[in-house]
N, C-alpha and C. Protein backbone atom coordinates (compact mmCIF):
# COMPACT_ATOMS: atom_id res chain seq x y z
N MET A 1 100.64 29.69 119.00
CA MET A 1 100.35 30.81 118.13
C MET A 1 99.54 30.34 116.95
N ASP A 2 98.36 29.87 117.24
CA ASP A 2 97.48 29.35 116.21
C ASP A 2 96.93 30.44 115.31
N TYR A 3 97.25 31.69 115.60
CA TYR A 3 96.78 32.79 114.75
C TYR A 3 97.77 33.14 113.64
N LEU A 4 98.90 32.43 113.56
CA LEU A 4 99.89 32.65 112.50
C LEU A 4 99.86 31.48 111.53
N SER A 5 99.78 31.77 110.24
CA SER A 5 99.71 30.73 109.21
C SER A 5 101.09 30.17 108.90
N GLU A 6 101.09 29.17 108.03
CA GLU A 6 102.33 28.69 107.44
C GLU A 6 102.84 29.79 106.49
N PHE A 7 104.08 29.68 106.08
CA PHE A 7 104.69 30.66 105.19
C PHE A 7 104.51 30.23 103.74
N THR A 8 104.31 31.20 102.85
CA THR A 8 104.21 30.92 101.42
C THR A 8 105.08 31.93 100.67
N ILE A 9 105.30 31.65 99.40
CA ILE A 9 106.03 32.56 98.51
C ILE A 9 105.06 32.95 97.40
N GLY A 10 105.02 34.24 97.06
CA GLY A 10 104.13 34.69 96.01
C GLY A 10 104.55 36.05 95.47
N SER A 11 103.74 36.56 94.57
CA SER A 11 103.98 37.86 93.94
C SER A 11 102.67 38.63 93.90
N LEU A 12 102.75 39.93 94.00
CA LEU A 12 101.56 40.77 93.89
C LEU A 12 101.39 41.32 92.48
N GLY A 13 102.42 41.24 91.65
CA GLY A 13 102.36 41.85 90.33
C GLY A 13 102.54 43.35 90.42
N ALA A 14 102.74 43.98 89.29
CA ALA A 14 102.87 45.44 89.26
C ALA A 14 101.53 46.07 89.57
N MET A 15 101.55 47.20 90.24
CA MET A 15 100.32 47.88 90.65
C MET A 15 100.42 49.38 90.40
N LYS A 16 99.26 50.00 90.21
CA LYS A 16 99.13 51.46 90.23
C LYS A 16 98.39 51.77 91.52
N VAL A 17 98.93 52.70 92.30
CA VAL A 17 98.33 53.00 93.60
C VAL A 17 98.24 54.50 93.83
N VAL A 18 97.32 54.87 94.71
CA VAL A 18 97.28 56.21 95.27
C VAL A 18 97.74 56.04 96.71
N SER A 19 98.69 56.88 97.11
CA SER A 19 99.37 56.74 98.39
C SER A 19 99.20 57.98 99.25
N GLY A 20 99.06 57.75 100.55
CA GLY A 20 99.08 58.83 101.53
C GLY A 20 100.01 58.44 102.66
N VAL A 21 100.62 59.44 103.30
CA VAL A 21 101.56 59.21 104.41
C VAL A 21 101.17 60.11 105.57
N ARG A 22 101.28 59.57 106.78
CA ARG A 22 101.06 60.38 107.99
C ARG A 22 102.16 60.07 108.99
N VAL A 23 102.56 61.10 109.72
CA VAL A 23 103.47 60.96 110.85
C VAL A 23 102.73 61.54 112.05
N SER A 24 102.50 60.69 113.05
CA SER A 24 101.78 61.13 114.26
C SER A 24 101.92 60.04 115.32
N ASP A 25 101.19 60.19 116.41
CA ASP A 25 101.19 59.13 117.41
C ASP A 25 100.20 58.03 117.06
N ASN A 26 99.39 58.23 116.02
CA ASN A 26 98.42 57.24 115.55
C ASN A 26 98.31 57.31 114.02
N PRO A 27 99.43 57.12 113.31
CA PRO A 27 99.41 57.35 111.86
C PRO A 27 98.56 56.37 111.08
N GLU A 28 98.46 55.12 111.55
CA GLU A 28 97.70 54.12 110.80
C GLU A 28 96.25 54.56 110.63
N ASP A 29 95.57 54.82 111.74
CA ASP A 29 94.16 55.20 111.66
C ASP A 29 93.97 56.47 110.85
N GLU A 30 94.84 57.45 111.04
CA GLU A 30 94.70 58.73 110.34
C GLU A 30 94.83 58.57 108.83
N VAL A 31 95.87 57.89 108.38
CA VAL A 31 96.10 57.80 106.93
C VAL A 31 95.13 56.81 106.28
N ILE A 32 94.76 55.75 106.96
CA ILE A 32 93.78 54.81 106.40
C ILE A 32 92.45 55.51 106.18
N SER A 33 92.03 56.28 107.17
CA SER A 33 90.77 57.02 107.05
C SER A 33 90.85 58.03 105.90
N PHE A 34 91.94 58.78 105.82
CA PHE A 34 92.13 59.79 104.79
C PHE A 34 92.08 59.18 103.39
N VAL A 35 92.84 58.11 103.17
CA VAL A 35 92.92 57.50 101.85
C VAL A 35 91.60 56.83 101.48
N THR A 36 90.98 56.11 102.40
CA THR A 36 89.73 55.42 102.07
C THR A 36 88.58 56.39 101.84
N GLU A 37 88.54 57.50 102.57
CA GLU A 37 87.51 58.51 102.32
C GLU A 37 87.70 59.15 100.95
N TRP A 38 88.94 59.44 100.58
CA TRP A 38 89.21 59.97 99.25
C TRP A 38 88.76 58.97 98.19
N ALA A 39 89.09 57.68 98.39
CA ALA A 39 88.75 56.64 97.41
C ALA A 39 87.23 56.58 97.20
N LYS A 40 86.46 56.72 98.25
CA LYS A 40 84.99 56.72 98.12
C LYS A 40 84.54 57.90 97.26
N ARG A 41 85.07 59.09 97.56
CA ARG A 41 84.68 60.29 96.80
C ARG A 41 85.14 60.20 95.34
N ALA A 42 86.25 59.52 95.10
CA ALA A 42 86.79 59.41 93.75
C ALA A 42 86.15 58.28 92.96
N GLY A 43 85.29 57.49 93.59
CA GLY A 43 84.61 56.40 92.89
C GLY A 43 85.48 55.18 92.66
N ILE A 44 86.51 55.01 93.49
CA ILE A 44 87.37 53.83 93.38
C ILE A 44 86.57 52.61 93.84
N ARG A 45 86.74 51.50 93.17
CA ARG A 45 86.01 50.28 93.52
C ARG A 45 86.13 49.98 95.02
N THR A 46 85.04 49.61 95.63
CA THR A 46 85.06 49.34 97.07
C THR A 46 85.85 48.08 97.41
N ASP A 47 86.06 47.21 96.43
CA ASP A 47 86.84 45.99 96.68
C ASP A 47 88.30 46.13 96.26
N ALA A 48 88.74 47.36 95.98
CA ALA A 48 90.14 47.59 95.59
C ALA A 48 91.06 47.16 96.73
N ARG A 49 92.16 46.54 96.37
CA ARG A 49 93.13 46.11 97.39
C ARG A 49 93.75 47.33 98.04
N GLN A 50 94.10 47.18 99.32
CA GLN A 50 94.72 48.26 100.07
C GLN A 50 95.86 47.70 100.90
N PHE A 51 96.97 48.44 100.93
CA PHE A 51 98.17 48.00 101.62
C PHE A 51 98.71 49.14 102.47
N GLY A 52 99.35 48.79 103.58
CA GLY A 52 100.00 49.79 104.42
C GLY A 52 101.35 49.28 104.88
N PHE A 53 102.18 50.21 105.34
CA PHE A 53 103.49 49.84 105.87
C PHE A 53 104.09 51.01 106.65
N ASP A 54 104.95 50.66 107.60
CA ASP A 54 105.65 51.66 108.39
C ASP A 54 106.64 52.40 107.51
N VAL A 55 106.81 53.70 107.77
CA VAL A 55 107.83 54.49 107.09
C VAL A 55 108.70 55.14 108.15
N PRO A 56 109.97 55.36 107.83
CA PRO A 56 110.87 55.96 108.82
C PRO A 56 110.50 57.40 109.13
N VAL A 57 110.82 57.80 110.35
CA VAL A 57 110.62 59.19 110.77
C VAL A 57 111.96 59.72 111.29
N SER A 58 112.04 61.03 111.43
CA SER A 58 113.27 61.65 111.90
C SER A 58 113.53 61.30 113.36
N ASP A 59 114.78 61.46 113.79
CA ASP A 59 115.13 61.22 115.19
C ASP A 59 114.30 62.13 116.10
N GLU A 60 114.09 63.37 115.65
CA GLU A 60 113.30 64.32 116.42
C GLU A 60 111.87 63.83 116.60
N ASP A 61 111.26 63.32 115.52
CA ASP A 61 109.90 62.78 115.61
C ASP A 61 109.87 61.55 116.52
N GLN A 62 110.89 60.69 116.43
CA GLN A 62 110.94 59.51 117.29
C GLN A 62 110.99 59.91 118.76
N GLU A 63 111.78 60.92 119.07
CA GLU A 63 111.88 61.39 120.46
C GLU A 63 110.55 61.90 120.98
N LYS A 64 109.70 62.39 120.09
CA LYS A 64 108.37 62.87 120.46
C LYS A 64 107.35 61.74 120.52
N GLY A 65 107.78 60.51 120.21
CA GLY A 65 106.88 59.37 120.22
C GLY A 65 106.05 59.24 118.95
N LEU A 66 106.49 59.88 117.88
CA LEU A 66 105.74 59.84 116.62
C LEU A 66 106.23 58.68 115.75
N ARG A 67 105.33 58.15 114.94
CA ARG A 67 105.62 57.08 114.00
C ARG A 67 105.10 57.47 112.64
N GLY A 68 105.57 56.79 111.59
CA GLY A 68 105.11 57.06 110.24
C GLY A 68 104.46 55.85 109.63
N TYR A 69 103.44 56.09 108.79
CA TYR A 69 102.74 54.99 108.11
C TYR A 69 102.29 55.48 106.75
N GLU A 70 102.49 54.62 105.73
CA GLU A 70 102.03 54.92 104.38
C GLU A 70 100.93 53.93 104.03
N TYR A 71 99.92 54.42 103.30
CA TYR A 71 98.78 53.57 102.94
C TYR A 71 98.46 53.74 101.47
N TRP A 72 98.20 52.61 100.78
CA TRP A 72 97.90 52.61 99.36
C TRP A 72 96.52 52.05 99.10
N VAL A 73 95.87 52.57 98.08
CA VAL A 73 94.70 51.93 97.49
C VAL A 73 95.06 51.69 96.02
N VAL A 74 94.81 50.47 95.57
CA VAL A 74 95.13 50.10 94.19
C VAL A 74 94.07 50.68 93.27
N VAL A 75 94.53 51.30 92.17
CA VAL A 75 93.63 51.91 91.19
C VAL A 75 93.91 51.31 89.82
N GLU A 76 92.90 51.38 88.94
CA GLU A 76 93.06 50.83 87.59
C GLU A 76 93.78 51.80 86.65
N GLU A 77 93.60 53.10 86.91
CA GLU A 77 94.24 54.13 86.08
C GLU A 77 94.48 55.36 86.95
N GLU A 78 95.24 56.30 86.40
CA GLU A 78 95.53 57.51 87.17
C GLU A 78 94.22 58.28 87.42
N PRO A 79 93.94 58.62 88.68
CA PRO A 79 92.70 59.33 89.01
C PRO A 79 92.67 60.73 88.41
N SER A 80 91.46 61.22 88.16
CA SER A 80 91.31 62.56 87.58
C SER A 80 91.62 63.65 88.60
N PHE A 81 91.53 63.34 89.89
CA PHE A 81 91.90 64.33 90.91
C PHE A 81 92.53 63.65 92.11
N LEU A 82 93.49 64.33 92.69
CA LEU A 82 94.13 63.89 93.94
C LEU A 82 94.09 65.05 94.91
N GLU A 83 93.72 64.76 96.13
CA GLU A 83 93.76 65.80 97.16
C GLU A 83 95.19 66.02 97.60
N SER A 84 95.44 67.16 98.21
CA SER A 84 96.75 67.44 98.77
C SER A 84 97.10 66.34 99.78
N GLY A 85 98.33 65.85 99.70
CA GLY A 85 98.74 64.78 100.61
C GLY A 85 98.65 63.40 100.00
N LEU A 86 98.17 63.32 98.75
CA LEU A 86 98.09 62.04 98.05
C LEU A 86 99.02 62.06 96.84
N GLU A 87 99.49 60.88 96.47
CA GLU A 87 100.40 60.75 95.33
C GLU A 87 100.04 59.49 94.55
N TYR A 88 100.10 59.61 93.23
CA TYR A 88 99.88 58.47 92.33
C TYR A 88 101.23 57.82 92.05
N LYS A 89 101.31 56.48 92.17
CA LYS A 89 102.58 55.78 91.99
C LYS A 89 102.39 54.50 91.18
N HIS A 90 103.47 54.12 90.50
CA HIS A 90 103.56 52.80 89.87
C HIS A 90 104.48 51.97 90.76
N VAL A 91 104.03 50.79 91.16
CA VAL A 91 104.81 49.91 92.01
C VAL A 91 105.14 48.66 91.20
N GLY A 92 106.42 48.35 91.10
CA GLY A 92 106.85 47.20 90.32
C GLY A 92 106.52 45.87 90.97
N ASP A 93 106.56 44.84 90.15
CA ASP A 93 106.33 43.48 90.64
C ASP A 93 107.45 43.09 91.60
N CYS A 94 107.13 42.25 92.55
CA CYS A 94 108.11 41.83 93.54
C CYS A 94 107.73 40.44 94.04
N LYS A 95 108.71 39.66 94.39
CA LYS A 95 108.50 38.35 95.00
C LYS A 95 108.48 38.54 96.52
N TYR A 96 107.54 37.86 97.18
CA TYR A 96 107.37 38.02 98.63
C TYR A 96 107.29 36.69 99.35
N ALA A 97 107.80 36.67 100.57
CA ALA A 97 107.45 35.64 101.55
C ALA A 97 106.22 36.20 102.25
N ILE A 98 105.22 35.35 102.49
CA ILE A 98 103.93 35.83 102.98
C ILE A 98 103.50 35.01 104.19
N GLN A 99 102.93 35.71 105.17
CA GLN A 99 102.33 35.05 106.33
C GLN A 99 101.02 35.73 106.65
N ARG A 100 100.02 34.93 107.00
CA ARG A 100 98.70 35.46 107.37
C ARG A 100 98.55 35.44 108.89
N VAL A 101 98.05 36.57 109.42
CA VAL A 101 97.75 36.69 110.84
C VAL A 101 96.22 36.70 110.97
N THR A 102 95.68 35.77 111.76
CA THR A 102 94.23 35.70 111.99
C THR A 102 93.85 36.65 113.12
N GLU A 103 92.78 37.40 112.91
CA GLU A 103 92.25 38.37 113.89
C GLU A 103 93.37 39.23 114.49
N PRO A 104 94.10 39.97 113.64
CA PRO A 104 95.24 40.75 114.12
C PRO A 104 94.86 41.85 115.11
N MET A 105 93.62 42.35 115.03
CA MET A 105 93.24 43.48 115.89
C MET A 105 92.82 43.05 117.29
N VAL A 106 92.78 41.72 117.55
CA VAL A 106 92.50 41.24 118.91
C VAL A 106 93.59 41.77 119.84
N ASP A 107 94.83 41.75 119.38
CA ASP A 107 95.97 42.29 120.13
C ASP A 107 97.01 42.76 119.10
N PRO A 108 96.75 43.90 118.44
CA PRO A 108 97.60 44.31 117.31
C PRO A 108 99.06 44.58 117.67
N PHE A 109 99.34 44.98 118.91
CA PHE A 109 100.72 45.27 119.27
C PHE A 109 101.48 44.02 119.68
N GLU A 110 100.79 42.88 119.73
CA GLU A 110 101.45 41.59 119.93
C GLU A 110 101.43 40.78 118.65
N ARG A 111 100.26 40.59 118.07
CA ARG A 111 100.11 39.68 116.94
C ARG A 111 100.85 40.14 115.68
N ILE A 112 100.72 41.40 115.32
CA ILE A 112 101.35 41.87 114.08
C ILE A 112 102.87 41.87 114.20
N PRO A 113 103.45 42.46 115.27
CA PRO A 113 104.92 42.39 115.38
C PRO A 113 105.46 40.96 115.48
N LEU A 114 104.73 40.09 116.17
CA LEU A 114 105.18 38.70 116.27
C LEU A 114 105.12 38.03 114.90
N GLY A 115 104.09 38.33 114.12
CA GLY A 115 104.01 37.81 112.76
C GLY A 115 105.22 38.23 111.94
N TRP A 116 105.57 39.53 112.02
CA TRP A 116 106.74 40.02 111.28
C TRP A 116 108.02 39.34 111.77
N LYS A 117 108.15 39.17 113.08
CA LYS A 117 109.35 38.54 113.63
C LYS A 117 109.48 37.10 113.14
N LYS A 118 108.39 36.36 113.17
CA LYS A 118 108.42 34.96 112.72
C LYS A 118 108.69 34.88 111.21
N LEU A 119 108.07 35.77 110.45
CA LEU A 119 108.27 35.78 109.00
C LEU A 119 109.73 36.11 108.66
N ALA A 120 110.29 37.13 109.31
CA ALA A 120 111.69 37.49 109.06
C ALA A 120 112.62 36.35 109.45
N GLY A 121 112.34 35.70 110.57
CA GLY A 121 113.15 34.56 110.99
C GLY A 121 113.10 33.44 109.97
N TRP A 122 111.92 33.16 109.44
CA TRP A 122 111.76 32.11 108.44
C TRP A 122 112.54 32.46 107.17
N VAL A 123 112.39 33.70 106.69
CA VAL A 123 113.11 34.14 105.49
C VAL A 123 114.61 33.98 105.68
N ASN A 124 115.11 34.45 106.81
CA ASN A 124 116.55 34.37 107.07
C ASN A 124 117.03 32.93 107.21
N SER A 125 116.22 32.06 107.82
CA SER A 125 116.63 30.66 108.02
C SER A 125 116.63 29.87 106.72
N ARG A 126 115.92 30.33 105.71
CA ARG A 126 115.85 29.63 104.43
C ARG A 126 116.86 30.16 103.42
N GLY A 127 117.64 31.16 103.82
CA GLY A 127 118.68 31.68 102.94
C GLY A 127 118.21 32.62 101.85
N TYR A 128 116.97 33.09 101.96
CA TYR A 128 116.49 34.06 100.98
C TYR A 128 117.24 35.37 101.17
N LYS A 129 117.44 36.07 100.08
CA LYS A 129 118.06 37.39 100.16
C LYS A 129 116.94 38.42 100.33
N THR A 130 117.06 39.22 101.37
CA THR A 130 116.09 40.27 101.61
C THR A 130 116.24 41.34 100.55
N SER A 131 115.13 41.82 100.04
CA SER A 131 115.16 42.85 99.01
C SER A 131 114.51 44.10 99.56
N CYS A 132 115.32 45.03 100.03
CA CYS A 132 114.80 46.26 100.64
C CYS A 132 115.09 47.47 99.77
N ASP A 133 115.54 47.25 98.55
CA ASP A 133 115.85 48.38 97.70
C ASP A 133 114.92 48.39 96.50
N GLN A 134 115.15 49.27 95.59
CA GLN A 134 114.39 49.37 94.34
C GLN A 134 112.89 49.48 94.59
N ASP A 135 112.51 50.29 95.54
CA ASP A 135 111.09 50.54 95.82
C ASP A 135 110.31 49.27 96.13
N ARG A 136 110.89 48.39 96.90
CA ARG A 136 110.17 47.20 97.37
C ARG A 136 109.78 47.46 98.81
N PHE A 137 108.62 46.99 99.19
CA PHE A 137 108.05 47.39 100.46
C PHE A 137 107.62 46.19 101.30
N TRP A 138 107.71 46.32 102.61
CA TRP A 138 107.22 45.33 103.55
C TRP A 138 105.76 45.70 103.80
N LEU A 139 104.84 44.99 103.17
CA LEU A 139 103.44 45.39 103.13
C LEU A 139 102.56 44.63 104.11
N GLU A 140 101.49 45.30 104.54
CA GLU A 140 100.43 44.69 105.33
C GLU A 140 99.12 44.89 104.57
N GLU A 141 98.35 43.81 104.43
CA GLU A 141 97.06 43.89 103.76
C GLU A 141 96.00 43.31 104.68
N LYS A 142 95.05 44.14 105.09
CA LYS A 142 93.95 43.68 105.94
C LYS A 142 92.84 43.12 105.05
N LEU A 143 92.35 41.94 105.42
CA LEU A 143 91.31 41.25 104.64
C LEU A 143 90.16 40.84 105.55
N GLU A 144 88.95 40.86 105.02
CA GLU A 144 87.80 40.33 105.73
C GLU A 144 87.23 39.21 104.89
N ILE A 145 87.22 38.00 105.46
CA ILE A 145 86.77 36.81 104.75
C ILE A 145 85.80 36.05 105.64
N ASP A 146 84.57 35.87 105.16
CA ASP A 146 83.55 35.12 105.89
C ASP A 146 83.40 35.58 107.34
N GLY A 147 83.40 36.89 107.55
CA GLY A 147 83.18 37.45 108.87
C GLY A 147 84.40 37.48 109.79
N SER A 148 85.54 37.00 109.31
CA SER A 148 86.77 37.04 110.09
C SER A 148 87.74 38.03 109.47
N VAL A 149 88.60 38.60 110.31
CA VAL A 149 89.60 39.57 109.85
C VAL A 149 90.97 38.90 109.84
N TYR A 150 91.71 39.15 108.77
CA TYR A 150 93.06 38.62 108.61
C TYR A 150 93.97 39.76 108.17
N MET A 151 95.27 39.56 108.37
CA MET A 151 96.25 40.49 107.82
C MET A 151 97.35 39.65 107.18
N ASP A 152 97.55 39.88 105.88
CA ASP A 152 98.66 39.24 105.19
C ASP A 152 99.87 40.15 105.27
N LEU A 153 101.00 39.56 105.67
CA LEU A 153 102.27 40.26 105.76
C LEU A 153 103.11 39.85 104.56
N TYR A 154 103.67 40.84 103.85
CA TYR A 154 104.45 40.59 102.63
C TYR A 154 105.88 41.07 102.86
N PHE A 155 106.83 40.14 102.86
CA PHE A 155 108.25 40.42 103.09
C PHE A 155 108.96 40.29 101.76
N PRO A 156 109.51 41.39 101.19
CA PRO A 156 110.15 41.32 99.87
C PRO A 156 111.44 40.50 99.89
N ILE A 157 111.54 39.58 98.92
CA ILE A 157 112.72 38.73 98.79
C ILE A 157 113.15 38.68 97.33
N GLU A 158 114.34 38.16 97.12
CA GLU A 158 114.83 37.94 95.74
C GLU A 158 114.99 36.47 95.51
């Protein structure tokens, strides 16, 4: 698994974000497109950091094969306008265990879940306390560096 990095510990710092959520059979593409198109129209910096993560759905939605995904774009200040379906949020600082996945979209249903599984196993084996409360999130950040695509996985810990 040469596409999974070593594990590191870090912090993202407090952030101001605009958030969108979708529940569907393809929520990632839908909400990423929606939020990034809004960000372009709102004049948000094109290099603004962006994060996504799975969100729970109802048992009824699960039975229909639906999934939920939330997507953030980091902003410097509260935007002057938000479209319906978007929300402005303050996200507190958090400590994370981090793992990088190289070329995650080559096989996203293998590489990304395996990255999360390995990261969770590492966190648990080191005795870190998982922090899933107080608005802490298991984040995914897609990056493009020198023509290659990466995804950093952020596992909240205390």
